[in-house]
């Protein structure tokens, strides 16, 4: 669980992340991100979230 706490703290430090929570299930963390357009979302995920040590994969779901 310690690793999840560290990853969660790093994700919460990303300015575009509006909230992030540790969860139980197939994934360890769910993050809610605010973005202006699809390219911005791509950049946030690839350049920021996926670079956090401890992230092995991401799944993106968009809510309108």
N, C-alpha and C. Protein backbone atom coordinates (compact mmCIF):
# COMPACT_ATOMS: atom_id res chain seq x y z
N UNK A 1 0.82 -1.20 0.00
CA UNK A 1 0.00 0.00 0.00
C UNK A 1 0.86 1.26 0.00
N UNK A 2 2.07 1.19 0.55
CA UNK A 2 2.94 2.36 0.59
C UNK A 2 3.24 2.91 -0.78
N UNK A 3 3.46 2.03 -1.75
CA UNK A 3 3.75 2.48 -3.11
C UNK A 3 2.54 3.22 -3.69
N UNK A 4 1.34 2.71 -3.45
CA UNK A 4 0.13 3.35 -3.95
C UNK A 4 0.00 4.76 -3.36
N UNK A 5 0.30 4.91 -2.09
CA UNK A 5 0.22 6.22 -1.44
C UNK A 5 1.19 7.20 -2.10
N UNK A 6 2.40 6.75 -2.41
CA UNK A 6 3.39 7.61 -3.07
C UNK A 6 2.93 8.00 -4.47
N UNK A 7 2.42 7.04 -5.22
CA UNK A 7 1.93 7.31 -6.58
C UNK A 7 0.74 8.25 -6.52
N UNK A 8 -0.16 8.01 -5.59
CA UNK A 8 -1.34 8.86 -5.44
C UNK A 8 -0.93 10.31 -5.13
N UNK A 9 0.03 10.49 -4.26
CA UNK A 9 0.51 11.84 -3.93
C UNK A 9 1.10 12.52 -5.16
N UNK A 10 1.86 11.78 -5.96
CA UNK A 10 2.46 12.34 -7.17
C UNK A 10 1.40 12.73 -8.19
N UNK A 11 0.37 11.91 -8.33
CA UNK A 11 -0.71 12.22 -9.27
C UNK A 11 -1.49 13.45 -8.79
N UNK A 12 -1.77 13.52 -7.50
CA UNK A 12 -2.50 14.67 -6.96
C UNK A 12 -1.73 15.98 -7.14
N UNK A 13 -0.41 15.90 -7.27
CA UNK A 13 0.42 17.10 -7.44
C UNK A 13 0.37 17.65 -8.86
N UNK A 14 -0.18 16.91 -9.81
CA UNK A 14 -0.30 17.37 -11.19
C UNK A 14 -1.44 18.38 -11.25
N UNK A 15 -1.19 19.60 -11.73
CA UNK A 15 -2.21 20.66 -11.67
C UNK A 15 -3.55 20.31 -12.33
N UNK A 16 -3.53 19.57 -13.42
CA UNK A 16 -4.77 19.24 -14.13
C UNK A 16 -5.61 18.18 -13.42
N UNK A 17 -5.02 17.49 -12.45
CA UNK A 17 -5.76 16.47 -11.70
C UNK A 17 -6.61 17.18 -10.66
N UNK A 18 -7.92 17.08 -10.81
CA UNK A 18 -8.84 17.75 -9.90
C UNK A 18 -9.11 16.92 -8.66
N UNK A 19 -9.07 15.60 -8.78
CA UNK A 19 -9.15 14.71 -7.62
C UNK A 19 -8.59 13.36 -8.03
N UNK A 20 -8.12 12.63 -7.04
CA UNK A 20 -7.59 11.28 -7.27
C UNK A 20 -7.82 10.48 -6.00
N UNK A 21 -8.16 9.21 -6.17
CA UNK A 21 -8.52 8.37 -5.03
C UNK A 21 -7.94 6.98 -5.18
N UNK A 22 -7.47 6.41 -4.09
CA UNK A 22 -7.09 5.01 -4.08
C UNK A 22 -8.37 4.18 -4.02
N UNK A 23 -8.42 3.12 -4.79
CA UNK A 23 -9.62 2.27 -4.85
C UNK A 23 -9.23 0.80 -4.76
N UNK A 24 -10.21 -0.03 -4.49
CA UNK A 24 -10.00 -1.48 -4.46
C UNK A 24 -10.68 -2.06 -5.69
N UNK A 25 -9.97 -2.90 -6.42
CA UNK A 25 -10.52 -3.48 -7.63
C UNK A 25 -9.41 -3.71 -8.64
N UNK A 26 -9.77 -3.73 -9.92
CA UNK A 26 -8.75 -4.02 -10.94
C UNK A 26 -7.71 -2.91 -11.07
N UNK A 27 -8.01 -1.71 -10.59
CA UNK A 27 -7.06 -0.61 -10.63
C UNK A 27 -6.82 -0.11 -9.22
N UNK A 28 -5.72 0.58 -9.01
CA UNK A 28 -5.37 1.08 -7.68
C UNK A 28 -5.78 2.52 -7.45
N UNK A 29 -5.85 3.30 -8.53
CA UNK A 29 -6.13 4.73 -8.41
C UNK A 29 -7.07 5.16 -9.53
N UNK A 30 -8.02 6.02 -9.18
CA UNK A 30 -8.86 6.69 -10.19
C UNK A 30 -8.61 8.18 -10.03
N UNK A 31 -8.31 8.84 -11.16
CA UNK A 31 -8.05 10.28 -11.15
C UNK A 31 -9.04 10.98 -12.07
N UNK A 32 -9.48 12.15 -11.65
CA UNK A 32 -10.37 12.98 -12.45
C UNK A 32 -9.55 14.17 -12.93
N UNK A 33 -9.50 14.34 -14.25
CA UNK A 33 -8.62 15.33 -14.87
C UNK A 33 -9.45 16.34 -15.65
N UNK A 34 -9.08 17.59 -15.56
CA UNK A 34 -9.73 18.64 -16.34
C UNK A 34 -8.81 19.00 -17.50
N UNK A 35 -9.36 19.01 -18.72
CA UNK A 35 -8.55 19.31 -19.90
C UNK A 35 -9.37 20.10 -20.90
N UNK A 36 -8.68 20.83 -21.77
CA UNK A 36 -9.36 21.72 -22.71
C UNK A 36 -9.69 21.07 -24.05
N UNK A 37 -8.90 20.09 -24.46
CA UNK A 37 -9.13 19.43 -25.75
C UNK A 37 -8.41 18.08 -25.74
N UNK A 38 -8.70 17.22 -26.72
CA UNK A 38 -8.09 15.88 -26.73
C UNK A 38 -6.57 15.88 -26.73
N UNK A 39 -5.94 16.84 -27.40
CA UNK A 39 -4.47 16.90 -27.40
C UNK A 39 -3.94 17.23 -26.02
N UNK A 40 -4.63 18.08 -25.30
CA UNK A 40 -4.22 18.41 -23.93
C UNK A 40 -4.32 17.17 -23.05
N UNK A 41 -5.40 16.42 -23.20
CA UNK A 41 -5.56 15.18 -22.42
C UNK A 41 -4.43 14.22 -22.73
N UNK A 42 -4.13 14.04 -24.01
CA UNK A 42 -3.04 13.15 -24.42
C UNK A 42 -1.73 13.57 -23.77
N UNK A 43 -1.45 14.86 -23.77
CA UNK A 43 -0.23 15.37 -23.17
C UNK A 43 -0.19 15.13 -21.66
N UNK A 44 -1.29 15.36 -20.98
CA UNK A 44 -1.35 15.14 -19.53
C UNK A 44 -1.07 13.68 -19.21
N UNK A 45 -1.69 12.79 -19.95
CA UNK A 45 -1.52 11.36 -19.67
C UNK A 45 -0.11 10.89 -19.99
N UNK A 46 0.36 11.20 -21.20
CA UNK A 46 1.66 10.68 -21.65
C UNK A 46 2.83 11.39 -20.97
N UNK A 47 2.77 12.72 -20.91
CA UNK A 47 3.91 13.49 -20.41
C UNK A 47 3.96 13.66 -18.90
N UNK A 48 2.84 13.46 -18.24
CA UNK A 48 2.81 13.67 -16.79
C UNK A 48 2.45 12.40 -16.02
N UNK A 49 1.26 11.87 -16.24
CA UNK A 49 0.80 10.73 -15.43
C UNK A 49 1.64 9.48 -15.69
N UNK A 50 1.86 9.14 -16.96
CA UNK A 50 2.62 7.92 -17.25
C UNK A 50 4.09 8.03 -16.87
N UNK A 51 4.57 9.21 -16.57
CA UNK A 51 5.96 9.38 -16.14
C UNK A 51 6.12 9.25 -14.63
N UNK A 52 5.02 9.15 -13.89
CA UNK A 52 5.10 8.99 -12.44
C UNK A 52 5.69 7.62 -12.13
N UNK A 53 6.75 7.56 -11.34
CA UNK A 53 7.32 6.26 -10.96
C UNK A 53 6.26 5.40 -10.26
N UNK A 54 6.14 4.16 -10.72
CA UNK A 54 5.16 3.25 -10.15
C UNK A 54 3.94 3.04 -11.03
N UNK A 55 3.75 3.90 -12.03
CA UNK A 55 2.64 3.73 -12.98
C UNK A 55 3.06 2.68 -14.00
N UNK A 56 2.29 1.61 -14.11
CA UNK A 56 2.63 0.57 -15.09
C UNK A 56 1.72 0.64 -16.32
N UNK A 57 0.50 1.15 -16.15
CA UNK A 57 -0.40 1.32 -17.29
C UNK A 57 -1.54 2.25 -16.88
N UNK A 58 -2.20 2.82 -17.88
CA UNK A 58 -3.34 3.69 -17.62
C UNK A 58 -4.50 3.27 -18.50
N UNK A 59 -5.69 3.61 -18.07
CA UNK A 59 -6.91 3.41 -18.84
C UNK A 59 -7.65 4.74 -18.79
N UNK A 60 -8.05 5.24 -19.95
CA UNK A 60 -8.72 6.54 -20.00
C UNK A 60 -10.18 6.36 -20.39
N UNK A 61 -11.06 6.93 -19.60
CA UNK A 61 -12.49 6.97 -19.88
C UNK A 61 -12.91 8.43 -19.80
N UNK A 62 -13.63 8.90 -20.82
CA UNK A 62 -14.03 10.30 -20.86
C UNK A 62 -15.50 10.42 -20.51
N UNK A 63 -15.82 11.32 -19.58
CA UNK A 63 -17.21 11.62 -19.23
C UNK A 63 -17.54 13.00 -19.76
N UNK A 64 -18.67 13.09 -20.40
CA UNK A 64 -19.06 14.40 -20.97
C UNK A 64 -20.06 15.09 -20.07
